[in-house]
PDB file of N, CA and C in Angstrom:
ATOM      1  N   MET A   1      78.199 104.019  97.190  1.00  0.00           N
ATOM      2  CA  MET A   1      78.685 102.864  97.922  1.00  0.00           C
ATOM      3  C   MET A   1      80.220 102.871  97.881  1.00  0.00           C
ATOM      4  N   LEU A   2      80.822 102.552  98.989  1.00  0.00           N
ATOM      5  CA  LEU A   2      82.280 102.538  99.097  1.00  0.00           C
ATOM      6  C   LEU A   2      82.847 101.214  98.599  1.00  0.00           C
ATOM      7  N   HIS A   3      83.864 101.297  97.770  1.00  0.00           N
ATOM      8  CA  HIS A   3      84.594 100.126  97.295  1.00  0.00           C
ATOM      9  C   HIS A   3      86.063 100.336  97.650  1.00  0.00           C
ATOM     10  N   ILE A   4      86.758  99.246  97.939  1.00  0.00           N
ATOM     11  CA  ILE A   4      88.161  99.328  98.334  1.00  0.00           C
ATOM     12  C   ILE A   4      88.980  98.408  97.437  1.00  0.00           C
ATOM     13  N   GLY A   5      89.993  98.982  96.783  1.00  0.00           N
ATOM     14  CA  GLY A   5      90.919  98.200  95.974  1.00  0.00           C
ATOM     15  C   GLY A   5      92.163  97.902  96.785  1.00  0.00           C
ATOM     16  N   VAL A   6      92.538  96.642  96.862  1.00  0.00           N
ATOM     17  CA  VAL A   6      93.709  96.212  97.627  1.00  0.00           C
ATOM     18  C   VAL A   6      94.677  95.508  96.678  1.00  0.00           C
ATOM     19  N   LEU A   7      95.891  96.015  96.624  1.00  0.00           N
ATOM     20  CA  LEU A   7      96.930  95.412  95.790  1.00  0.00           C
ATOM     21  C   LEU A   7      98.096  95.024  96.686  1.00  0.00           C
ATOM     22  N   GLN A   8      98.424  93.733  96.685  1.00  0.00           N
ATOM     23  CA  GLN A   8      99.624  93.262  97.371  1.00  0.00           C
ATOM     24  C   GLN A   8     100.611  92.874  96.296  1.00  0.00           C
ATOM     25  N   PHE A   9     101.857  93.354  96.417  1.00  0.00           N
ATOM     26  CA  PHE A   9     102.840  93.057  95.379  1.00  0.00           C
ATOM     27  C   PHE A   9     104.215  92.846  95.984  1.00  0.00           C
ATOM     28  N   THR A  10     105.008  92.059  95.258  1.00  0.00           N
ATOM     29  CA  THR A  10     106.367  91.735  95.687  1.00  0.00           C
ATOM     30  C   THR A  10     107.344  92.248  94.648  1.00  0.00           C
ATOM     31  N   LEU A  11     108.387  92.879  95.144  1.00  0.00           N
ATOM     32  CA  LEU A  11     109.428  93.443  94.294  1.00  0.00           C
ATOM     33  C   LEU A  11     110.762  92.801  94.617  1.00  0.00           C
ATOM     34  N   GLU A  12     111.546  92.573  93.586  1.00  0.00           N
ATOM     35  CA  GLU A  12     112.926  92.147  93.775  1.00  0.00           C
ATOM     36  C   GLU A  12     113.812  93.364  93.529  1.00  0.00           C
ATOM     37  N   ILE A  13     114.699  93.619  94.476  1.00  0.00           N
ATOM     38  CA  ILE A  13     115.612  94.758  94.388  1.00  0.00           C
ATOM     39  C   ILE A  13     117.030  94.179  94.384  1.00  0.00           C
ATOM     40  N   PRO A  14     117.517  93.768  93.218  1.00  0.00           N
ATOM     41  CA  PRO A  14     118.733  92.954  93.158  1.00  0.00           C
ATOM     42  C   PRO A  14     120.010  93.658  93.601  1.00  0.00           C
ATOM     43  N   TYR A  15     120.115  94.961  93.430  1.00  0.00           N
ATOM     44  CA  TYR A  15     121.372  95.622  93.760  1.00  0.00           C
ATOM     45  C   TYR A  15     121.457  96.074  95.221  1.00  0.00           C
ATOM     46  N   ALA A  16     120.381  95.956  95.997  1.00  0.00           N
ATOM     47  CA  ALA A  16     120.424  96.354  97.408  1.00  0.00           C
ATOM     48  C   ALA A  16     121.335  95.397  98.168  1.00  0.00           C
ATOM     49  N   GLU A  17     122.325  95.954  98.817  1.00  0.00           N
ATOM     50  CA  GLU A  17     123.281  95.131  99.559  1.00  0.00           C
ATOM     51  C   GLU A  17     123.028  95.149 101.062  1.00  0.00           C
ATOM     52  N   SER A  18     122.119  96.005 101.499  1.00  0.00           N
ATOM     53  CA  SER A  18     121.809  96.093 102.923  1.00  0.00           C
ATOM     54  C   SER A  18     120.350  96.509 103.080  1.00  0.00           C
ATOM     55  N   LEU A  19     119.841  96.375 104.310  1.00  0.00           N
ATOM     56  CA  LEU A  19     118.481  96.824 104.568  1.00  0.00           C
ATOM     57  C   LEU A  19     118.368  98.335 104.372  1.00  0.00           C
ATOM     58  N   LYS A  20     119.434  99.056 104.662  1.00  0.00           N
ATOM     59  CA  LYS A  20     119.432 100.505 104.458  1.00  0.00           C
ATOM     60  C   LYS A  20     119.245 100.844 102.978  1.00  0.00           C
ATOM     61  N   ASP A  21     119.933 100.128 102.093  1.00  0.00           N
ATOM     62  CA  ASP A  21     119.764 100.322 100.643  1.00  0.00           C
ATOM     63  C   ASP A  21     118.314 100.042 100.236  1.00  0.00           C
ATOM     64  N   LYS A  22     117.790  98.910 100.698  1.00  0.00           N
ATOM     65  CA  LYS A  22     116.431  98.513 100.350  1.00  0.00           C
ATOM     66  C   LYS A  22     115.427  99.549 100.835  1.00  0.00           C
ATOM     67  N   ARG A  23     115.568  99.987 102.077  1.00  0.00           N
ATOM     68  CA  ARG A  23     114.600 100.938 102.641  1.00  0.00           C
ATOM     69  C   ARG A  23     114.614 102.263 101.906  1.00  0.00           C
ATOM     70  N   ALA A  24     115.778 102.697 101.447  1.00  0.00           N
ATOM     71  CA  ALA A  24     115.865 103.948 100.686  1.00  0.00           C
ATOM     72  C   ALA A  24     115.116 103.815  99.362  1.00  0.00           C
ATOM     73  N   VAL A  25     115.285 102.691  98.692  1.00  0.00           N
ATOM     74  CA  VAL A  25     114.615 102.450  97.414  1.00  0.00           C
ATOM     75  C   VAL A  25     113.103 102.333  97.621  1.00  0.00           C
ATOM     76  N   ILE A  26     112.688 101.586  98.634  1.00  0.00           N
ATOM     77  CA  ILE A  26     111.266 101.399  98.921  1.00  0.00           C
ATOM     78  C   ILE A  26     110.623 102.736  99.308  1.00  0.00           C
ATOM     79  N   LYS A  27     111.303 103.536 100.117  1.00  0.00           N
ATOM     80  CA  LYS A  27     110.757 104.833 100.516  1.00  0.00           C
ATOM     81  C   LYS A  27     110.535 105.727  99.306  1.00  0.00           C
ATOM     82  N   SER A  28     111.500 105.752  98.405  1.00  0.00           N
ATOM     83  CA  SER A  28     111.368 106.561  97.197  1.00  0.00           C
ATOM     84  C   SER A  28     110.169 106.105  96.363  1.00  0.00           C
ATOM     85  N   LEU A  29     110.029 104.793  96.203  1.00  0.00           N
ATOM     86  CA  LEU A  29     108.906 104.246  95.440  1.00  0.00           C
ATOM     87  C   LEU A  29     107.578 104.585  96.112  1.00  0.00           C
ATOM     88  N   LYS A  30     107.483 104.375  97.413  1.00  0.00           N
ATOM     89  CA  LYS A  30     106.243 104.658  98.134  1.00  0.00           C
ATOM     90  C   LYS A  30     105.856 106.123  97.995  1.00  0.00           C
ATOM     91  N   ASP A  31     106.801 107.016  98.150  1.00  0.00           N
ATOM     92  CA  ASP A  31     106.514 108.452  98.026  1.00  0.00           C
ATOM     93  C   ASP A  31     105.991 108.784  96.631  1.00  0.00           C
ATOM     94  N   ARG A  32     106.627 108.218  95.608  1.00  0.00           N
ATOM     95  CA  ARG A  32     106.198 108.490  94.231  1.00  0.00           C
ATOM     96  C   ARG A  32     104.793 107.945  93.962  1.00  0.00           C
ATOM     97  N   LEU A  33     104.508 106.732  94.435  1.00  0.00           N
ATOM     98  CA  LEU A  33     103.191 106.136  94.210  1.00  0.00           C
ATOM     99  C   LEU A  33     102.102 106.897  94.971  1.00  0.00           C
ATOM    100  N   ARG A  34     102.414 107.357  96.179  1.00  0.00           N
ATOM    101  CA  ARG A  34     101.441 108.152  96.943  1.00  0.00           C
ATOM    102  C   ARG A  34     101.078 109.431  96.191  1.00  0.00           C
ATOM    103  N   ARG A  35     102.099 110.106  95.656  1.00  0.00           N
ATOM    104  CA  ARG A  35     101.855 111.346  94.917  1.00  0.00           C
ATOM    105  C   ARG A  35     101.089 111.094  93.619  1.00  0.00           C
ATOM    106  N   SER A  36     101.472 110.057  92.887  1.00  0.00           N
ATOM    107  CA  SER A  36     100.895 109.806  91.569  1.00  0.00           C
ATOM    108  C   SER A  36      99.491 109.213  91.614  1.00  0.00           C
ATOM    109  N   PHE A  37      99.217 108.351  92.599  1.00  0.00           N
ATOM    110  CA  PHE A  37      97.977 107.586  92.586  1.00  0.00           C
ATOM    111  C   PHE A  37      97.095 107.803  93.813  1.00  0.00           C
ATOM    112  N   ASN A  38      97.543 108.626  94.759  1.00  0.00           N
ATOM    113  CA  ASN A  38      96.781 108.890  95.977  1.00  0.00           C
ATOM    114  C   ASN A  38      96.380 107.590  96.676  1.00  0.00           C
ATOM    115  N   VAL A  39      97.360 106.716  96.874  1.00  0.00           N
ATOM    116  CA  VAL A  39      97.128 105.435  97.534  1.00  0.00           C
ATOM    117  C   VAL A  39      97.745 105.453  98.925  1.00  0.00           C
ATOM    118  N   SER A  40      97.211 104.622  99.790  1.00  0.00           N
ATOM    119  CA  SER A  40      97.867 104.318 101.057  1.00  0.00           C
ATOM    120  C   SER A  40      98.739 103.110 100.779  1.00  0.00           C
ATOM    121  N   ILE A  41      99.993 103.163 101.211  1.00  0.00           N
ATOM    122  CA  ILE A  41     100.920 102.090 100.853  1.00  0.00           C
ATOM    123  C   ILE A  41     101.866 101.825 102.015  1.00  0.00           C
ATOM    124  N   SER A  42     102.181 100.546 102.225  1.00  0.00           N
ATOM    125  CA  SER A  42     103.052 100.164 103.323  1.00  0.00           C
ATOM    126  C   SER A  42     103.785  98.875 102.981  1.00  0.00           C
ATOM    127  N   GLU A  43     104.996  98.751 103.503  1.00  0.00           N
ATOM    128  CA  GLU A  43     105.725  97.488 103.388  1.00  0.00           C
ATOM    129  C   GLU A  43     105.147  96.549 104.434  1.00  0.00           C
ATOM    130  N   ILE A  44     104.748  95.335 104.025  1.00  0.00           N
ATOM    131  CA  ILE A  44     104.007  94.453 104.927  1.00  0.00           C
ATOM    132  C   ILE A  44     104.687  93.117 105.221  1.00  0.00           C
ATOM    133  N   GLU A  45     105.616  92.696 104.373  1.00  0.00           N
ATOM    134  CA  GLU A  45     106.307  91.419 104.580  1.00  0.00           C
ATOM    135  C   GLU A  45     107.748  91.551 104.101  1.00  0.00           C
ATOM    136  N   ASP A  46     108.538  90.528 104.378  1.00  0.00           N
ATOM    137  CA  ASP A  46     109.944  90.466 103.951  1.00  0.00           C
ATOM    138  C   ASP A  46     110.736  91.664 104.473  1.00  0.00           C
ATOM    139  N   LEU A  47     110.439  92.085 105.687  1.00  0.00           N
ATOM    140  CA  LEU A  47     111.076  93.275 106.253  1.00  0.00           C
ATOM    141  C   LEU A  47     112.570  93.092 106.494  1.00  0.00           C
ATOM    142  N   ASP A  48     113.005  91.866 106.727  1.00  0.00           N
ATOM    143  CA  ASP A  48     114.414  91.616 107.029  1.00  0.00           C
ATOM    144  C   ASP A  48     115.199  91.057 105.857  1.00  0.00           C
ATOM    145  N   ASP A  49     114.604  91.011 104.677  1.00  0.00           N
ATOM    146  CA  ASP A  49     115.287  90.546 103.471  1.00  0.00           C
ATOM    147  C   ASP A  49     115.707  91.772 102.676  1.00  0.00           C
ATOM    148  N   CYS A  50     116.997  91.903 102.405  1.00  0.00           N
ATOM    149  CA  CYS A  50     117.462  93.145 101.770  1.00  0.00           C
ATOM    150  C   CYS A  50     117.242  93.200 100.264  1.00  0.00           C
ATOM    151  N   THR A  51     116.797  92.114  99.629  1.00  0.00           N
ATOM    152  CA  THR A  51     116.580  92.158  98.174  1.00  0.00           C
ATOM    153  C   THR A  51     115.128  91.925  97.763  1.00  0.00           C
ATOM    154  N   ILE A  52     114.241  91.665  98.724  1.00  0.00           N
ATOM    155  CA  ILE A  52     112.824  91.425  98.432  1.00  0.00           C
ATOM    156  C   ILE A  52     111.977  92.364  99.287  1.00  0.00           C
ATOM    157  N   GLY A  53     110.976  92.963  98.666  1.00  0.00           N
ATOM    158  CA  GLY A  53     110.033  93.805  99.398  1.00  0.00           C
ATOM    159  C   GLY A  53     108.612  93.441  99.021  1.00  0.00           C
ATOM    160  N   THR A  54     107.765  93.243 100.015  1.00  0.00           N
ATOM    161  CA  THR A  54     106.349  92.985  99.772  1.00  0.00           C
ATOM    162  C   THR A  54     105.568  94.136 100.368  1.00  0.00           C
ATOM    163  N   LEU A  55     104.750  94.760  99.523  1.00  0.00           N
ATOM    164  CA  LEU A  55     104.017  95.947  99.928  1.00  0.00           C
ATOM    165  C   LEU A  55     102.534  95.769  99.663  1.00  0.00           C
ATOM    166  N   GLY A  56     101.740  96.582 100.328  1.00  0.00           N
ATOM    167  CA  GLY A  56     100.309  96.622 100.096  1.00  0.00           C
ATOM    168  C   GLY A  56      99.902  98.044  99.771  1.00  0.00           C
ATOM    169  N   ALA A  57      99.020  98.201  98.791  1.00  0.00           N
ATOM    170  CA  ALA A  57      98.493  99.513  98.409  1.00  0.00           C
ATOM    171  C   ALA A  57      96.975  99.436  98.430  1.00  0.00           C
ATOM    172  N   VAL A  58      96.339 100.502  98.933  1.00  0.00           N
ATOM    173  CA  VAL A  58      94.892 100.531  99.068  1.00  0.00           C
ATOM    174  C   VAL A  58      94.347 101.829  98.494  1.00  0.00           C
ATOM    175  N   ILE A  59      93.268 101.701  97.695  1.00  0.00           N
ATOM    176  CA  ILE A  59      92.545 102.851  97.160  1.00  0.00           C
ATOM    177  C   ILE A  59      91.074 102.658  97.499  1.00  0.00           C
ATOM    178  N   ALA A  60      90.441 103.709  97.983  1.00  0.00           N
ATOM    179  CA  ALA A  60      89.004 103.662  98.274  1.00  0.00           C
ATOM    180  C   ALA A  60      88.280 104.636  97.358  1.00  0.00           C
ATOM    181  N   GLY A  61      87.064 104.271  96.978  1.00  0.00           N
ATOM    182  CA  GLY A  61      86.275 105.155  96.135  1.00  0.00           C
ATOM    183  C   GLY A  61      84.893 104.597  95.879  1.00  0.00           C
ATOM    184  N   GLY A  62      84.102 105.361  95.172  1.00  0.00           N
ATOM    185  CA  GLY A  62      82.731 104.972  94.910  1.00  0.00           C
ATOM    186  C   GLY A  62      82.507 104.278  93.582  1.00  0.00           C
ATOM    187  N   ASP A  63      83.537 104.218  92.740  1.00  0.00           N
ATOM    188  CA  ASP A  63      83.376 103.674  91.391  1.00  0.00           C
ATOM    189  C   ASP A  63      84.375 102.540  91.165  1.00  0.00           C
ATOM    190  N   ILE A  64      83.871 101.329  90.994  1.00  0.00           N
ATOM    191  CA  ILE A  64      84.744 100.160  90.812  1.00  0.00           C
ATOM    192  C   ILE A  64      85.612 100.318  89.570  1.00  0.00           C
ATOM    193  N   ALA A  65      85.051 100.837  88.488  1.00  0.00           N
ATOM    194  CA  ALA A  65      85.822 100.991  87.248  1.00  0.00           C
ATOM    195  C   ALA A  65      87.001 101.933  87.457  1.00  0.00           C
ATOM    196  N   HIS A  66      86.799 103.012  88.207  1.00  0.00           N
ATOM    197  CA  HIS A  66      87.884 103.954  88.472  1.00  0.00           C
ATOM    198  C   HIS A  66      88.970 103.309  89.341  1.00  0.00           C
ATOM    199  N   ILE A  67      88.561 102.585  90.365  1.00  0.00           N
ATOM    200  CA  ILE A  67      89.529 101.903  91.233  1.00  0.00           C
ATOM    201  C   ILE A  67      90.331 100.898  90.423  1.00  0.00           C
ATOM    202  N   ASN A  68      89.660 100.116  89.601  1.00  0.00           N
ATOM    203  CA  ASN A  68      90.344  99.121  88.766  1.00  0.00           C
ATOM    204  C   ASN A  68      91.326  99.791  87.808  1.00  0.00           C
ATOM    205  N   SER A  69      90.913 100.901  87.216  1.00  0.00           N
ATOM    206  CA  SER A  69      91.787 101.644  86.302  1.00  0.00           C
ATOM    207  C   SER A  69      93.017 102.175  87.034  1.00  0.00           C
ATOM    208  N   GLN A  70      92.818 102.750  88.221  1.00  0.00           N
ATOM    209  CA  GLN A  70      93.949 103.268  89.007  1.00  0.00           C
ATOM    210  C   GLN A  70      94.926 102.143  89.357  1.00  0.00           C
ATOM    211  N   MET A  71      94.399 100.986  89.746  1.00  0.00           N
ATOM    212  CA  MET A  71      95.260  99.858  90.096  1.00  0.00           C
ATOM    213  C   MET A  71      96.013  99.349  88.867  1.00  0.00           C
ATOM    214  N   ASP A  72      95.356  99.340  87.709  1.00  0.00           N
ATOM    215  CA  ASP A  72      96.038  98.938  86.474  1.00  0.00           C
ATOM    216  C   ASP A  72      97.187  99.899  86.151  1.00  0.00           C
ATOM    217  N   HIS A  73      96.945 101.192  86.301  1.00  0.00           N
ATOM    218  CA  HIS A  73      97.997 102.181  86.061  1.00  0.00           C
ATOM    219  C   HIS A  73      99.146 102.013  87.065  1.00  0.00           C
ATOM    220  N   LEU A  74      98.791 101.730  88.316  1.00  0.00           N
ATOM    221  CA  LEU A  74      99.819 101.502  89.336  1.00  0.00           C
ATOM    222  C   LEU A  74     100.665 100.281  88.970  1.00  0.00           C
ATOM    223  N   LEU A  75     100.015  99.202  88.523  1.00  0.00           N
ATOM    224  CA  LEU A  75     100.754  98.003  88.107  1.00  0.00           C
ATOM    225  C   LEU A  75     101.663  98.294  86.912  1.00  0.00           C
ATOM    226  N   ASN A  76     101.183  99.087  85.969  1.00  0.00           N
ATOM    227  CA  ASN A  76     102.030  99.476  84.833  1.00  0.00           C
ATOM    228  C   ASN A  76     103.259 100.231  85.310  1.00  0.00           C
ATOM    229  N   GLU A  77     103.068 101.127  86.263  1.00  0.00           N
ATOM    230  CA  GLU A  77     104.192 101.883  86.837  1.00  0.00           C
ATOM    231  C   GLU A  77     105.199 100.936  87.492  1.00  0.00           C
ATOM    232  N   LEU A  78     104.706  99.940  88.221  1.00  0.00           N
ATOM    233  CA  LEU A  78     105.591  98.973  88.877  1.00  0.00           C
ATOM    234  C   LEU A  78     106.333  98.121  87.855  1.00  0.00           C
ATOM    235  N   ASN A  79     105.659  97.752  86.766  1.00  0.00           N
ATOM    236  CA  ASN A  79     106.319  96.963  85.716  1.00  0.00           C
ATOM    237  C   ASN A  79     107.427  97.741  85.030  1.00  0.00           C
ATOM    238  N   GLU A  80     107.314  99.066  84.986  1.00  0.00           N
ATOM    239  CA  GLU A  80     108.319  99.906  84.336  1.00  0.00           C
ATOM    240  C   GLU A  80     109.371 100.444  85.311  1.00  0.00           C
ATOM    241  N   TRP A  81     109.251 100.095  86.576  1.00  0.00           N
ATOM    242  CA  TRP A  81     110.149 100.592  87.614  1.00  0.00           C
ATOM    243  C   TRP A  81     111.575 100.129  87.344  1.00  0.00           C
ATOM    244  N   ARG A  82     112.524 101.054  87.333  1.00  0.00           N
ATOM    245  CA  ARG A  82     113.911 100.737  86.961  1.00  0.00           C
ATOM    246  C   ARG A  82     114.761 100.204  88.114  1.00  0.00           C
ATOM    247  N   ASP A  83     114.356 100.456  89.355  1.00  0.00           N
ATOM    248  CA  ASP A  83     115.182 100.058  90.495  1.00  0.00           C
ATOM    249  C   ASP A  83     114.939  98.626  90.954  1.00  0.00           C
ATOM    250  N   GLY A  84     113.979  97.949  90.351  1.00  0.00           N
ATOM    251  CA  GLY A  84     113.684  96.581  90.747  1.00  0.00           C
ATOM    252  C   GLY A  84     112.706  95.945  89.790  1.00  0.00           C
ATOM    253  N   THR A  85     112.270  94.730  90.137  1.00  0.00           N
ATOM    254  CA  THR A  85     111.388  93.952  89.270  1.00  0.00           C
ATOM    255  C   THR A  85     110.161  93.511  90.053  1.00  0.00           C
ATOM    256  N   LEU A  86     108.993  93.733  89.470  1.00  0.00           N
ATOM    257  CA  LEU A  86     107.750  93.220  90.037  1.00  0.00           C
ATOM    258  C   LEU A  86     107.726  91.718  89.804  1.00  0.00           C
ATOM    259  N   THR A  87     107.679  90.928  90.879  1.00  0.00           N
ATOM    260  CA  THR A  87     107.721  89.474  90.728  1.00  0.00           C
ATOM    261  C   THR A  87     106.387  88.810  90.981  1.00  0.00           C
ATOM    262  N   ASP A  88     105.485  89.473  91.702  1.00  0.00           N
ATOM    263  CA  ASP A  88     104.196  88.864  92.026  1.00  0.00           C
ATOM    264  C   ASP A  88     103.230  89.964  92.439  1.00  0.00           C
ATOM    265  N   HIS A  89     101.941  89.734  92.206  1.00  0.00           N
ATOM    266  CA  HIS A  89     100.937  90.665  92.708  1.00  0.00           C
ATOM    267  C   HIS A  89      99.572  89.984  92.793  1.00  0.00           C
ATOM    268  N   GLN A  90      98.753  90.471  93.705  1.00  0.00           N
ATOM    269  CA  GLN A  90      97.372  90.042  93.840  1.00  0.00           C
ATOM    270  C   GLN A  90      96.526  91.300  93.999  1.00  0.00           C
ATOM    271  N   LEU A  91      95.451  91.386  93.230  1.00  0.00           N
ATOM    272  CA  LEU A  91      94.550  92.525  93.274  1.00  0.00           C
ATOM    273  C   LEU A  91      93.164  92.053  93.663  1.00  0.00           C
ATOM    274  N   GLU A  92      92.562  92.781  94.601  1.00  0.00           N
ATOM    275  CA  GLU A  92      91.193  92.446  95.025  1.00  0.00           C
ATOM    276  C   GLU A  92      90.433  93.747  95.216  1.00  0.00           C
ATOM    277  N   ILE A  93      89.201  93.766  94.761  1.00  0.00           N
ATOM    278  CA  ILE A  93      88.332  94.910  95.007  1.00  0.00           C
ATOM    279  C   ILE A  93      87.213  94.426  95.930  1.00  0.00           C
ATOM    280  N   ILE A  94      87.116  95.080  97.076  1.00  0.00           N
ATOM    281  CA  ILE A  94      86.154  94.688  98.109  1.00  0.00           C
ATOM    282  C   ILE A  94      84.972  95.646  98.039  1.00  0.00           C
ATOM    283  N   SER A  95      83.778  95.071  97.961  1.00  0.00           N
ATOM    284  CA  SER A  95      82.555  95.857  97.927  1.00  0.00           C
ATOM    285  C   SER A  95      81.606  95.321  98.990  1.00  0.00           C
ATOM    286  N   PRO A  96      80.949  96.208  99.723  1.00  0.00           N
ATOM    287  CA  PRO A  96      79.962  95.724 100.707  1.00  0.00           C
ATOM    288  C   PRO A  96      78.782  95.073 100.000  1.00  0.00           C
ATOM    289  N   ARG A  97      78.180  94.155 100.640  1.00  0.00           N
ATOM    290  CA  ARG A  97      77.046  93.449 100.036  1.00  0.00           C
ATOM    291  C   ARG A  97      75.750  93.944 100.597  1.00  0.00           C
TER     292      ARG A  97
END
């Protein structure tokens, strides 16, 4: 059975002085998370704010425990991220009924 883990999170990027600065930092983070966790990830809100980024990450798989573990590891990575601060997140695992 297919299960989908959805993580929406908000980051504060305090030193970004322009959208160009923010986009460079977000791109680097997205590339690293894609490589490390095999997630689909996109910036979804706060596109015009140069110090705040809201992103969504999605993982699909057959094992809820594995998806939950991957999302926990991803959150740990975000908490340790040096270029900004994780300020908010929501995690949901969707399973067909």
